[in-house]
mmCIF file of all heavy atoms, coordinates in Angstrom:
data_MODEL
# 
_entry.id   MODEL 
# 
loop_
_atom_site.group_PDB 
_atom_site.id 
_atom_site.type_symbol 
_atom_site.label_atom_id 
_atom_site.label_alt_id 
_atom_site.label_comp_id 
_atom_site.label_asym_id 
_atom_site.label_entity_id 
_atom_site.label_seq_id 
_atom_site.pdbx_PDB_ins_code 
_atom_site.Cartn_x 
_atom_site.Cartn_y 
_atom_site.Cartn_z 
_atom_site.occupancy 
_atom_site.B_iso_or_equiv 
_atom_site.pdbx_formal_charge 
_atom_site.auth_seq_id 
_atom_site.auth_comp_id 
_atom_site.auth_asym_id 
_atom_site.auth_atom_id 
_atom_site.pdbx_PDB_model_num 
ATOM 1   N N   . ASP A 1 1  ? 79.760 124.954 -115.666 1.00 0.00 ? 1  ASP A N   1 
ATOM 2   C CA  . ASP A 1 1  ? 81.170 125.239 -115.245 1.00 0.00 ? 1  ASP A CA  1 
ATOM 3   C C   . ASP A 1 1  ? 81.245 126.671 -114.725 1.00 0.00 ? 1  ASP A C   1 
ATOM 4   O O   . ASP A 1 1  ? 81.959 127.010 -113.702 1.00 0.00 ? 1  ASP A O   1 
ATOM 5   C CB  . ASP A 1 1  ? 82.215 125.066 -116.302 1.00 0.00 ? 1  ASP A CB  1 
ATOM 6   C CG  . ASP A 1 1  ? 82.610 123.553 -116.437 1.00 0.00 ? 1  ASP A CG  1 
ATOM 7   O OD1 . ASP A 1 1  ? 82.268 122.772 -115.504 1.00 0.00 ? 1  ASP A OD1 1 
ATOM 8   O OD2 . ASP A 1 1  ? 83.147 123.188 -117.465 1.00 0.00 ? 1  ASP A OD2 1 
ATOM 9   N N   . THR A 1 2  ? 80.581 127.588 -115.319 1.00 0.00 ? 2  THR A N   1 
ATOM 10  C CA  . THR A 1 2  ? 80.589 128.955 -114.994 1.00 0.00 ? 2  THR A CA  1 
ATOM 11  C C   . THR A 1 2  ? 80.063 129.173 -113.505 1.00 0.00 ? 2  THR A C   1 
ATOM 12  O O   . THR A 1 2  ? 80.467 130.082 -112.835 1.00 0.00 ? 2  THR A O   1 
ATOM 13  C CB  . THR A 1 2  ? 79.711 129.868 -115.905 1.00 0.00 ? 2  THR A CB  1 
ATOM 14  O OG1 . THR A 1 2  ? 80.214 129.649 -117.249 1.00 0.00 ? 2  THR A OG1 1 
ATOM 15  C CG2 . THR A 1 2  ? 79.817 131.274 -115.551 1.00 0.00 ? 2  THR A CG2 1 
ATOM 16  N N   . PHE A 1 3  ? 79.165 128.413 -113.155 1.00 0.00 ? 3  PHE A N   1 
ATOM 17  C CA  . PHE A 1 3  ? 78.479 128.566 -111.878 1.00 0.00 ? 3  PHE A CA  1 
ATOM 18  C C   . PHE A 1 3  ? 78.829 127.486 -110.835 1.00 0.00 ? 3  PHE A C   1 
ATOM 19  O O   . PHE A 1 3  ? 78.292 127.545 -109.617 1.00 0.00 ? 3  PHE A O   1 
ATOM 20  C CB  . PHE A 1 3  ? 76.914 128.562 -112.090 1.00 0.00 ? 3  PHE A CB  1 
ATOM 21  C CG  . PHE A 1 3  ? 76.474 129.418 -113.192 1.00 0.00 ? 3  PHE A CG  1 
ATOM 22  C CD1 . PHE A 1 3  ? 76.105 128.876 -114.370 1.00 0.00 ? 3  PHE A CD1 1 
ATOM 23  C CD2 . PHE A 1 3  ? 76.326 130.758 -113.026 1.00 0.00 ? 3  PHE A CD2 1 
ATOM 24  C CE1 . PHE A 1 3  ? 75.648 129.672 -115.509 1.00 0.00 ? 3  PHE A CE1 1 
ATOM 25  C CE2 . PHE A 1 3  ? 75.909 131.603 -114.049 1.00 0.00 ? 3  PHE A CE2 1 
ATOM 26  C CZ  . PHE A 1 3  ? 75.666 130.987 -115.211 1.00 0.00 ? 3  PHE A CZ  1 
ATOM 27  N N   . ARG A 1 4  ? 79.617 126.479 -111.246 1.00 0.00 ? 4  ARG A N   1 
ATOM 28  C CA  . ARG A 1 4  ? 79.840 125.318 -110.414 1.00 0.00 ? 4  ARG A CA  1 
ATOM 29  C C   . ARG A 1 4  ? 80.351 125.693 -109.016 1.00 0.00 ? 4  ARG A C   1 
ATOM 30  O O   . ARG A 1 4  ? 79.887 125.150 -107.974 1.00 0.00 ? 4  ARG A O   1 
ATOM 31  C CB  . ARG A 1 4  ? 80.853 124.363 -111.061 1.00 0.00 ? 4  ARG A CB  1 
ATOM 32  C CG  . ARG A 1 4  ? 80.758 122.963 -110.578 1.00 0.00 ? 4  ARG A CG  1 
ATOM 33  C CD  . ARG A 1 4  ? 81.694 122.026 -111.324 1.00 0.00 ? 4  ARG A CD  1 
ATOM 34  N NE  . ARG A 1 4  ? 81.317 122.006 -112.809 1.00 0.00 ? 4  ARG A NE  1 
ATOM 35  C CZ  . ARG A 1 4  ? 80.465 121.198 -113.252 1.00 0.00 ? 4  ARG A CZ  1 
ATOM 36  N NH1 . ARG A 1 4  ? 79.697 120.539 -112.581 1.00 0.00 ? 4  ARG A NH1 1 
ATOM 37  N NH2 . ARG A 1 4  ? 80.237 121.292 -114.622 1.00 0.00 ? 4  ARG A NH2 1 
ATOM 38  N N   . ASP A 1 5  ? 81.383 126.409 -108.924 1.00 0.00 ? 5  ASP A N   1 
ATOM 39  C CA  . ASP A 1 5  ? 82.007 126.788 -107.617 1.00 0.00 ? 5  ASP A CA  1 
ATOM 40  C C   . ASP A 1 5  ? 81.775 128.320 -107.295 1.00 0.00 ? 5  ASP A C   1 
ATOM 41  O O   . ASP A 1 5  ? 82.370 129.109 -107.883 1.00 0.00 ? 5  ASP A O   1 
ATOM 42  C CB  . ASP A 1 5  ? 83.499 126.463 -107.706 1.00 0.00 ? 5  ASP A CB  1 
ATOM 43  C CG  . ASP A 1 5  ? 83.812 125.074 -107.834 1.00 0.00 ? 5  ASP A CG  1 
ATOM 44  O OD1 . ASP A 1 5  ? 83.125 124.156 -107.228 1.00 0.00 ? 5  ASP A OD1 1 
ATOM 45  O OD2 . ASP A 1 5  ? 84.620 124.761 -108.703 1.00 0.00 ? 5  ASP A OD2 1 
ATOM 46  N N   . SER A 1 6  ? 80.879 128.526 -106.338 1.00 0.00 ? 6  SER A N   1 
ATOM 47  C CA  . SER A 1 6  ? 80.596 129.890 -105.951 1.00 0.00 ? 6  SER A CA  1 
ATOM 48  C C   . SER A 1 6  ? 80.233 130.041 -104.457 1.00 0.00 ? 6  SER A C   1 
ATOM 49  O O   . SER A 1 6  ? 79.666 128.956 -103.925 1.00 0.00 ? 6  SER A O   1 
ATOM 50  C CB  . SER A 1 6  ? 79.475 130.486 -106.845 1.00 0.00 ? 6  SER A CB  1 
ATOM 51  O OG  . SER A 1 6  ? 78.217 129.882 -106.470 1.00 0.00 ? 6  SER A OG  1 
ATOM 52  N N   . VAL A 1 7  ? 80.420 131.133 -103.904 1.00 0.00 ? 7  VAL A N   1 
ATOM 53  C CA  . VAL A 1 7  ? 80.113 131.263 -102.491 1.00 0.00 ? 7  VAL A CA  1 
ATOM 54  C C   . VAL A 1 7  ? 78.590 131.211 -102.436 1.00 0.00 ? 7  VAL A C   1 
ATOM 55  O O   . VAL A 1 7  ? 78.049 130.704 -101.408 1.00 0.00 ? 7  VAL A O   1 
ATOM 56  C CB  . VAL A 1 7  ? 80.769 132.601 -101.956 1.00 0.00 ? 7  VAL A CB  1 
ATOM 57  C CG1 . VAL A 1 7  ? 80.248 132.874 -100.487 1.00 0.00 ? 7  VAL A CG1 1 
ATOM 58  C CG2 . VAL A 1 7  ? 82.206 132.465 -102.032 1.00 0.00 ? 7  VAL A CG2 1 
ATOM 59  N N   . ALA A 1 8  ? 77.928 131.854 -103.330 1.00 0.00 ? 8  ALA A N   1 
ATOM 60  C CA  . ALA A 1 8  ? 76.466 131.937 -103.272 1.00 0.00 ? 8  ALA A CA  1 
ATOM 61  C C   . ALA A 1 8  ? 75.824 130.584 -103.188 1.00 0.00 ? 8  ALA A C   1 
ATOM 62  O O   . ALA A 1 8  ? 74.858 130.296 -102.533 1.00 0.00 ? 8  ALA A O   1 
ATOM 63  C CB  . ALA A 1 8  ? 75.970 132.755 -104.447 1.00 0.00 ? 8  ALA A CB  1 
ATOM 64  N N   . SER A 1 9  ? 76.411 129.543 -104.009 1.00 0.00 ? 9  SER A N   1 
ATOM 65  C CA  . SER A 1 9  ? 75.890 128.283 -104.044 1.00 0.00 ? 9  SER A CA  1 
ATOM 66  C C   . SER A 1 9  ? 76.102 127.609 -102.671 1.00 0.00 ? 9  SER A C   1 
ATOM 67  O O   . SER A 1 9  ? 75.211 126.750 -102.167 1.00 0.00 ? 9  SER A O   1 
ATOM 68  C CB  . SER A 1 9  ? 76.489 127.429 -105.081 1.00 0.00 ? 9  SER A CB  1 
ATOM 69  O OG  . SER A 1 9  ? 77.854 127.197 -104.908 1.00 0.00 ? 9  SER A OG  1 
ATOM 70  N N   . ASP A 1 10 ? 77.269 127.787 -102.022 1.00 0.00 ? 10 ASP A N   1 
ATOM 71  C CA  . ASP A 1 10 ? 77.587 127.180 -100.650 1.00 0.00 ? 10 ASP A CA  1 
ATOM 72  C C   . ASP A 1 10 ? 76.575 127.768 -99.701  1.00 0.00 ? 10 ASP A C   1 
ATOM 73  O O   . ASP A 1 10 ? 76.031 126.997 -98.839  1.00 0.00 ? 10 ASP A O   1 
ATOM 74  C CB  . ASP A 1 10 ? 79.006 127.569 -100.254 1.00 0.00 ? 10 ASP A CB  1 
ATOM 75  C CG  . ASP A 1 10 ? 80.016 126.902 -101.089 1.00 0.00 ? 10 ASP A CG  1 
ATOM 76  O OD1 . ASP A 1 10 ? 79.685 125.862 -101.742 1.00 0.00 ? 10 ASP A OD1 1 
ATOM 77  O OD2 . ASP A 1 10 ? 81.216 127.346 -101.163 1.00 0.00 ? 10 ASP A OD2 1 
ATOM 78  N N   . ILE A 1 11 ? 76.190 129.055 -99.740  1.00 0.00 ? 11 ILE A N   1 
ATOM 79  C CA  . ILE A 1 11 ? 75.341 129.640 -98.782  1.00 0.00 ? 11 ILE A CA  1 
ATOM 80  C C   . ILE A 1 11 ? 73.944 129.069 -98.994  1.00 0.00 ? 11 ILE A C   1 
ATOM 81  O O   . ILE A 1 11 ? 73.240 128.705 -98.092  1.00 0.00 ? 11 ILE A O   1 
ATOM 82  C CB  . ILE A 1 11 ? 75.450 131.191 -98.867  1.00 0.00 ? 11 ILE A CB  1 
ATOM 83  C CG1 . ILE A 1 11 ? 76.752 131.687 -98.394  1.00 0.00 ? 11 ILE A CG1 1 
ATOM 84  C CG2 . ILE A 1 11 ? 74.243 131.831 -97.953  1.00 0.00 ? 11 ILE A CG2 1 
ATOM 85  C CD1 . ILE A 1 11 ? 76.906 133.128 -98.622  1.00 0.00 ? 11 ILE A CD1 1 
ATOM 86  N N   . SER A 1 12 ? 73.484 129.117 -100.203 1.00 0.00 ? 12 SER A N   1 
ATOM 87  C CA  . SER A 1 12 ? 72.057 128.694 -100.540 1.00 0.00 ? 12 SER A CA  1 
ATOM 88  C C   . SER A 1 12 ? 71.919 127.198 -100.187 1.00 0.00 ? 12 SER A C   1 
ATOM 89  O O   . SER A 1 12 ? 70.860 126.821 -99.717  1.00 0.00 ? 12 SER A O   1 
ATOM 90  C CB  . SER A 1 12 ? 71.735 128.957 -101.982 1.00 0.00 ? 12 SER A CB  1 
ATOM 91  O OG  . SER A 1 12 ? 72.514 128.109 -102.875 1.00 0.00 ? 12 SER A OG  1 
ATOM 92  N N   . ASP A 1 13 ? 72.944 126.363 -100.484 1.00 0.00 ? 13 ASP A N   1 
ATOM 93  C CA  . ASP A 1 13 ? 72.833 124.979 -100.141 1.00 0.00 ? 13 ASP A CA  1 
ATOM 94  C C   . ASP A 1 13 ? 72.757 124.776 -98.673  1.00 0.00 ? 13 ASP A C   1 
ATOM 95  O O   . ASP A 1 13 ? 71.979 123.961 -98.165  1.00 0.00 ? 13 ASP A O   1 
ATOM 96  C CB  . ASP A 1 13 ? 74.082 124.217 -100.715 1.00 0.00 ? 13 ASP A CB  1 
ATOM 97  C CG  . ASP A 1 13 ? 73.963 122.722 -100.518 1.00 0.00 ? 13 ASP A CG  1 
ATOM 98  O OD1 . ASP A 1 13 ? 73.203 122.164 -101.210 1.00 0.00 ? 13 ASP A OD1 1 
ATOM 99  O OD2 . ASP A 1 13 ? 74.746 122.219 -99.643  1.00 0.00 ? 13 ASP A OD2 1 
ATOM 100 N N   . ALA A 1 14 ? 73.536 125.473 -97.888  1.00 0.00 ? 14 ALA A N   1 
ATOM 101 C CA  . ALA A 1 14 ? 73.533 125.420 -96.412  1.00 0.00 ? 14 ALA A CA  1 
ATOM 102 C C   . ALA A 1 14 ? 72.143 125.774 -95.879  1.00 0.00 ? 14 ALA A C   1 
ATOM 103 O O   . ALA A 1 14 ? 71.579 125.113 -94.948  1.00 0.00 ? 14 ALA A O   1 
ATOM 104 C CB  . ALA A 1 14 ? 74.542 126.246 -95.807  1.00 0.00 ? 14 ALA A CB  1 
ATOM 105 N N   . VAL A 1 15 ? 71.533 126.914 -96.493  1.00 0.00 ? 15 VAL A N   1 
ATOM 106 C CA  . VAL A 1 15 ? 70.204 127.418 -95.878  1.00 0.00 ? 15 VAL A CA  1 
ATOM 107 C C   . VAL A 1 15 ? 69.159 126.356 -96.309  1.00 0.00 ? 15 VAL A C   1 
ATOM 108 O O   . VAL A 1 15 ? 68.310 125.962 -95.440  1.00 0.00 ? 15 VAL A O   1 
ATOM 109 C CB  . VAL A 1 15 ? 69.905 128.733 -96.544  1.00 0.00 ? 15 VAL A CB  1 
ATOM 110 C CG1 . VAL A 1 15 ? 68.455 129.105 -96.289  1.00 0.00 ? 15 VAL A CG1 1 
ATOM 111 C CG2 . VAL A 1 15 ? 70.897 129.755 -95.996  1.00 0.00 ? 15 VAL A CG2 1 
ATOM 112 N N   . ASN A 1 16 ? 69.133 125.856 -97.553  1.00 0.00 ? 16 ASN A N   1 
ATOM 113 C CA  . ASN A 1 16 ? 68.184 124.909 -98.033  1.00 0.00 ? 16 ASN A CA  1 
ATOM 114 C C   . ASN A 1 16 ? 68.334 123.626 -97.156  1.00 0.00 ? 16 ASN A C   1 
ATOM 115 O O   . ASN A 1 16 ? 67.305 122.994 -96.830  1.00 0.00 ? 16 ASN A O   1 
ATOM 116 C CB  . ASN A 1 16 ? 68.352 124.679 -99.469  1.00 0.00 ? 16 ASN A CB  1 
ATOM 117 C CG  . ASN A 1 16 ? 67.117 123.939 -100.079 1.00 0.00 ? 16 ASN A CG  1 
ATOM 118 O OD1 . ASN A 1 16 ? 66.022 124.026 -99.564  1.00 0.00 ? 16 ASN A OD1 1 
ATOM 119 N ND2 . ASN A 1 16 ? 67.322 123.358 -101.215 1.00 0.00 ? 16 ASN A ND2 1 
ATOM 120 N N   . ASP A 1 17 ? 69.487 123.184 -97.021  1.00 0.00 ? 17 ASP A N   1 
ATOM 121 C CA  . ASP A 1 17 ? 69.784 121.956 -96.257  1.00 0.00 ? 17 ASP A CA  1 
ATOM 122 C C   . ASP A 1 17 ? 69.140 122.056 -94.880  1.00 0.00 ? 17 ASP A C   1 
ATOM 123 O O   . ASP A 1 17 ? 68.543 121.110 -94.375  1.00 0.00 ? 17 ASP A O   1 
ATOM 124 C CB  . ASP A 1 17 ? 71.277 121.645 -96.203  1.00 0.00 ? 17 ASP A CB  1 
ATOM 125 C CG  . ASP A 1 17 ? 71.587 120.336 -95.578  1.00 0.00 ? 17 ASP A CG  1 
ATOM 126 O OD1 . ASP A 1 17 ? 71.285 119.291 -96.281  1.00 0.00 ? 17 ASP A OD1 1 
ATOM 127 O OD2 . ASP A 1 17 ? 72.150 120.281 -94.446  1.00 0.00 ? 17 ASP A OD2 1 
ATOM 128 N N   . THR A 1 18 ? 69.403 123.198 -94.223  1.00 0.00 ? 18 THR A N   1 
ATOM 129 C CA  . THR A 1 18 ? 68.909 123.408 -92.868  1.00 0.00 ? 18 THR A CA  1 
ATOM 130 C C   . THR A 1 18 ? 67.369 123.438 -92.881  1.00 0.00 ? 18 THR A C   1 
ATOM 131 O O   . THR A 1 18 ? 66.659 122.848 -92.036  1.00 0.00 ? 18 THR A O   1 
ATOM 132 C CB  . THR A 1 18 ? 69.401 124.739 -92.330  1.00 0.00 ? 18 THR A CB  1 
ATOM 133 O OG1 . THR A 1 18 ? 70.818 124.735 -92.209  1.00 0.00 ? 18 THR A OG1 1 
ATOM 134 C CG2 . THR A 1 18 ? 68.915 124.951 -90.863  1.00 0.00 ? 18 THR A CG2 1 
ATOM 135 N N   . TYR A 1 19 ? 66.789 124.153 -93.798  1.00 0.00 ? 19 TYR A N   1 
ATOM 136 C CA  . TYR A 1 19 ? 65.321 124.265 -94.014  1.00 0.00 ? 19 TYR A CA  1 
ATOM 137 C C   . TYR A 1 19 ? 64.704 122.842 -94.144  1.00 0.00 ? 19 TYR A C   1 
ATOM 138 O O   . TYR A 1 19 ? 63.674 122.508 -93.462  1.00 0.00 ? 19 TYR A O   1 
ATOM 139 C CB  . TYR A 1 19 ? 64.950 125.170 -95.233  1.00 0.00 ? 19 TYR A CB  1 
ATOM 140 C CG  . TYR A 1 19 ? 63.549 125.042 -95.645  1.00 0.00 ? 19 TYR A CG  1 
ATOM 141 C CD1 . TYR A 1 19 ? 62.538 125.727 -94.990  1.00 0.00 ? 19 TYR A CD1 1 
ATOM 142 C CD2 . TYR A 1 19 ? 63.195 124.268 -96.799  1.00 0.00 ? 19 TYR A CD2 1 
ATOM 143 C CE1 . TYR A 1 19 ? 61.254 125.651 -95.406  1.00 0.00 ? 19 TYR A CE1 1 
ATOM 144 C CE2 . TYR A 1 19 ? 61.900 124.196 -97.234  1.00 0.00 ? 19 TYR A CE2 1 
ATOM 145 C CZ  . TYR A 1 19 ? 60.933 124.815 -96.555  1.00 0.00 ? 19 TYR A CZ  1 
ATOM 146 O OH  . TYR A 1 19 ? 59.653 124.678 -96.980  1.00 0.00 ? 19 TYR A OH  1 
ATOM 147 N N   . LEU A 1 20 ? 65.214 122.063 -95.039  1.00 0.00 ? 20 LEU A N   1 
ATOM 148 C CA  . LEU A 1 20 ? 64.717 120.708 -95.252  1.00 0.00 ? 20 LEU A CA  1 
ATOM 149 C C   . LEU A 1 20 ? 64.812 119.808 -93.999  1.00 0.00 ? 20 LEU A C   1 
ATOM 150 O O   . LEU A 1 20 ? 63.825 119.134 -93.682  1.00 0.00 ? 20 LEU A O   1 
ATOM 151 C CB  . LEU A 1 20 ? 65.394 120.047 -96.415  1.00 0.00 ? 20 LEU A CB  1 
ATOM 152 C CG  . LEU A 1 20 ? 65.132 120.689 -97.789  1.00 0.00 ? 20 LEU A CG  1 
ATOM 153 C CD1 . LEU A 1 20 ? 66.021 120.058 -98.888  1.00 0.00 ? 20 LEU A CD1 1 
ATOM 154 C CD2 . LEU A 1 20 ? 63.692 120.615 -98.178  1.00 0.00 ? 20 LEU A CD2 1 
ATOM 155 N N   . LYS A 1 21 ? 65.862 119.941 -93.365  1.00 0.00 ? 21 LYS A N   1 
ATOM 156 C CA  . LYS A 1 21 ? 66.112 119.020 -92.145  1.00 0.00 ? 21 LYS A CA  1 
ATOM 157 C C   . LYS A 1 21 ? 65.221 119.554 -91.030  1.00 0.00 ? 21 LYS A C   1 
ATOM 158 O O   . LYS A 1 21 ? 64.669 118.719 -90.263  1.00 0.00 ? 21 LYS A O   1 
ATOM 159 C CB  . LYS A 1 21 ? 67.516 119.074 -91.635  1.00 0.00 ? 21 LYS A CB  1 
ATOM 160 C CG  . LYS A 1 21 ? 68.506 118.364 -92.559  1.00 0.00 ? 21 LYS A CG  1 
ATOM 161 C CD  . LYS A 1 21 ? 69.968 118.429 -92.158  1.00 0.00 ? 21 LYS A CD  1 
ATOM 162 C CE  . LYS A 1 21 ? 70.833 117.636 -93.072  1.00 0.00 ? 21 LYS A CE  1 
ATOM 163 N NZ  . LYS A 1 21 ? 72.302 117.721 -92.748  1.00 0.00 ? 21 LYS A NZ  1 
ATOM 164 N N   . LEU A 1 22 ? 64.953 120.813 -90.884  1.00 0.00 ? 22 LEU A N   1 
ATOM 165 C CA  . LEU A 1 22 ? 64.005 121.286 -89.932  1.00 0.00 ? 22 LEU A CA  1 
ATOM 166 C C   . LEU A 1 22 ? 62.531 120.813 -90.105  1.00 0.00 ? 22 LEU A C   1 
ATOM 167 O O   . LEU A 1 22 ? 61.763 120.756 -89.180  1.00 0.00 ? 22 LEU A O   1 
ATOM 168 C CB  . LEU A 1 22 ? 64.026 122.850 -89.803  1.00 0.00 ? 22 LEU A CB  1 
ATOM 169 C CG  . LEU A 1 22 ? 65.283 123.512 -89.195  1.00 0.00 ? 22 LEU A CG  1 
ATOM 170 C CD1 . LEU A 1 22 ? 65.203 124.948 -89.305  1.00 0.00 ? 22 LEU A CD1 1 
ATOM 171 C CD2 . LEU A 1 22 ? 65.394 123.053 -87.656  1.00 0.00 ? 22 LEU A CD2 1 
ATOM 172 N N   . ASN A 1 23 ? 62.221 120.537 -91.382  1.00 0.00 ? 23 ASN A N   1 
ATOM 173 C CA  . ASN A 1 23 ? 60.939 120.112 -91.767  1.00 0.00 ? 23 ASN A CA  1 
ATOM 174 C C   . ASN A 1 23 ? 60.867 118.448 -91.789  1.00 0.00 ? 23 ASN A C   1 
ATOM 175 O O   . ASN A 1 23 ? 59.983 117.950 -92.482  1.00 0.00 ? 23 ASN A O   1 
ATOM 176 C CB  . ASN A 1 23 ? 60.540 120.641 -93.014  1.00 0.00 ? 23 ASN A CB  1 
ATOM 177 C CG  . ASN A 1 23 ? 60.007 122.085 -92.889  1.00 0.00 ? 23 ASN A CG  1 
ATOM 178 O OD1 . ASN A 1 23 ? 58.950 122.299 -92.359  1.00 0.00 ? 23 ASN A OD1 1 
ATOM 179 N ND2 . ASN A 1 23 ? 60.840 123.029 -93.317  1.00 0.00 ? 23 ASN A ND2 1 
ATOM 180 N N   . GLY A 1 24 ? 61.883 117.855 -91.116  1.00 0.00 ? 24 GLY A N   1 
ATOM 181 C CA  . GLY A 1 24 ? 61.772 116.384 -90.977  1.00 0.00 ? 24 GLY A CA  1 
ATOM 182 C C   . GLY A 1 24 ? 62.402 115.577 -92.128  1.00 0.00 ? 24 GLY A C   1 
ATOM 183 O O   . GLY A 1 24 ? 62.303 114.445 -92.070  1.00 0.00 ? 24 GLY A O   1 
ATOM 184 N N   . ASN A 1 25 ? 63.109 116.245 -93.010  1.00 0.00 ? 25 ASN A N   1 
ATOM 185 C CA  . ASN A 1 25 ? 63.847 115.597 -94.047  1.00 0.00 ? 25 ASN A CA  1 
ATOM 186 C C   . ASN A 1 25 ? 65.289 115.439 -93.670  1.00 0.00 ? 25 ASN A C   1 
ATOM 187 O O   . ASN A 1 25 ? 66.065 116.303 -93.888  1.00 0.00 ? 25 ASN A O   1 
ATOM 188 C CB  . ASN A 1 25 ? 63.615 116.295 -95.398  1.00 0.00 ? 25 ASN A CB  1 
ATOM 189 C CG  . ASN A 1 25 ? 64.043 115.418 -96.599  1.00 0.00 ? 25 ASN A CG  1 
ATOM 190 O OD1 . ASN A 1 25 ? 64.867 114.570 -96.534  1.00 0.00 ? 25 ASN A OD1 1 
ATOM 191 N ND2 . ASN A 1 25 ? 63.430 115.817 -97.719  1.00 0.00 ? 25 ASN A ND2 1 
ATOM 192 N N   . GLU A 1 26 ? 65.569 114.214 -93.137  1.00 0.00 ? 26 GLU A N   1 
ATOM 193 C CA  . GLU A 1 26 ? 66.935 114.016 -92.579  1.00 0.00 ? 26 GLU A CA  1 
ATOM 194 C C   . GLU A 1 26 ? 68.054 114.145 -93.689  1.00 0.00 ? 26 GLU A C   1 
ATOM 195 O O   . GLU A 1 26 ? 69.146 114.448 -93.467  1.00 0.00 ? 26 GLU A O   1 
ATOM 196 C CB  . GLU A 1 26 ? 67.049 112.712 -91.891  1.00 0.00 ? 26 GLU A CB  1 
ATOM 197 C CG  . GLU A 1 26 ? 66.127 112.644 -90.627  1.00 0.00 ? 26 GLU A CG  1 
ATOM 198 C CD  . GLU A 1 26 ? 66.222 111.318 -89.898  1.00 0.00 ? 26 GLU A CD  1 
ATOM 199 O OE1 . GLU A 1 26 ? 67.023 110.488 -90.385  1.00 0.00 ? 26 GLU A OE1 1 
ATOM 200 O OE2 . GLU A 1 26 ? 65.606 111.147 -88.904  1.00 0.00 ? 26 GLU A OE2 1 
ATOM 201 N N   . ALA A 1 27 ? 67.707 113.836 -94.957  1.00 0.00 ? 27 ALA A N   1 
ATOM 202 C CA  . ALA A 1 27 ? 68.573 113.829 -96.011  1.00 0.00 ? 27 ALA A CA  1 
ATOM 203 C C   . ALA A 1 27 ? 69.033 115.196 -96.455  1.00 0.00 ? 27 ALA A C   1 
ATOM 204 O O   . ALA A 1 27 ? 69.945 115.423 -97.168  1.00 0.00 ? 27 ALA A O   1 
ATOM 205 C CB  . ALA A 1 27 ? 68.130 113.027 -97.193  1.00 0.00 ? 27 ALA A CB  1 
ATOM 206 N N   . GLY A 1 28 ? 68.261 116.227 -96.055  1.00 0.00 ? 28 GLY A N   1 
ATOM 207 C CA  . GLY A 1 28 ? 68.446 117.542 -96.498  1.00 0.00 ? 28 GLY A CA  1 
ATOM 208 C C   . GLY A 1 28 ? 68.476 117.709 -98.018  1.00 0.00 ? 28 GLY A C   1 
ATOM 209 O O   . GLY A 1 28 ? 67.624 117.246 -98.629  1.00 0.00 ? 28 GLY A O   1 
# 
């Protein structure tokens, strides 16, 4: 709960999602 909602998590998720999709993983 302490970490559930944070700007840092939104940014890291967006970056990781983009990285995975660029490497052919459509599900991100």
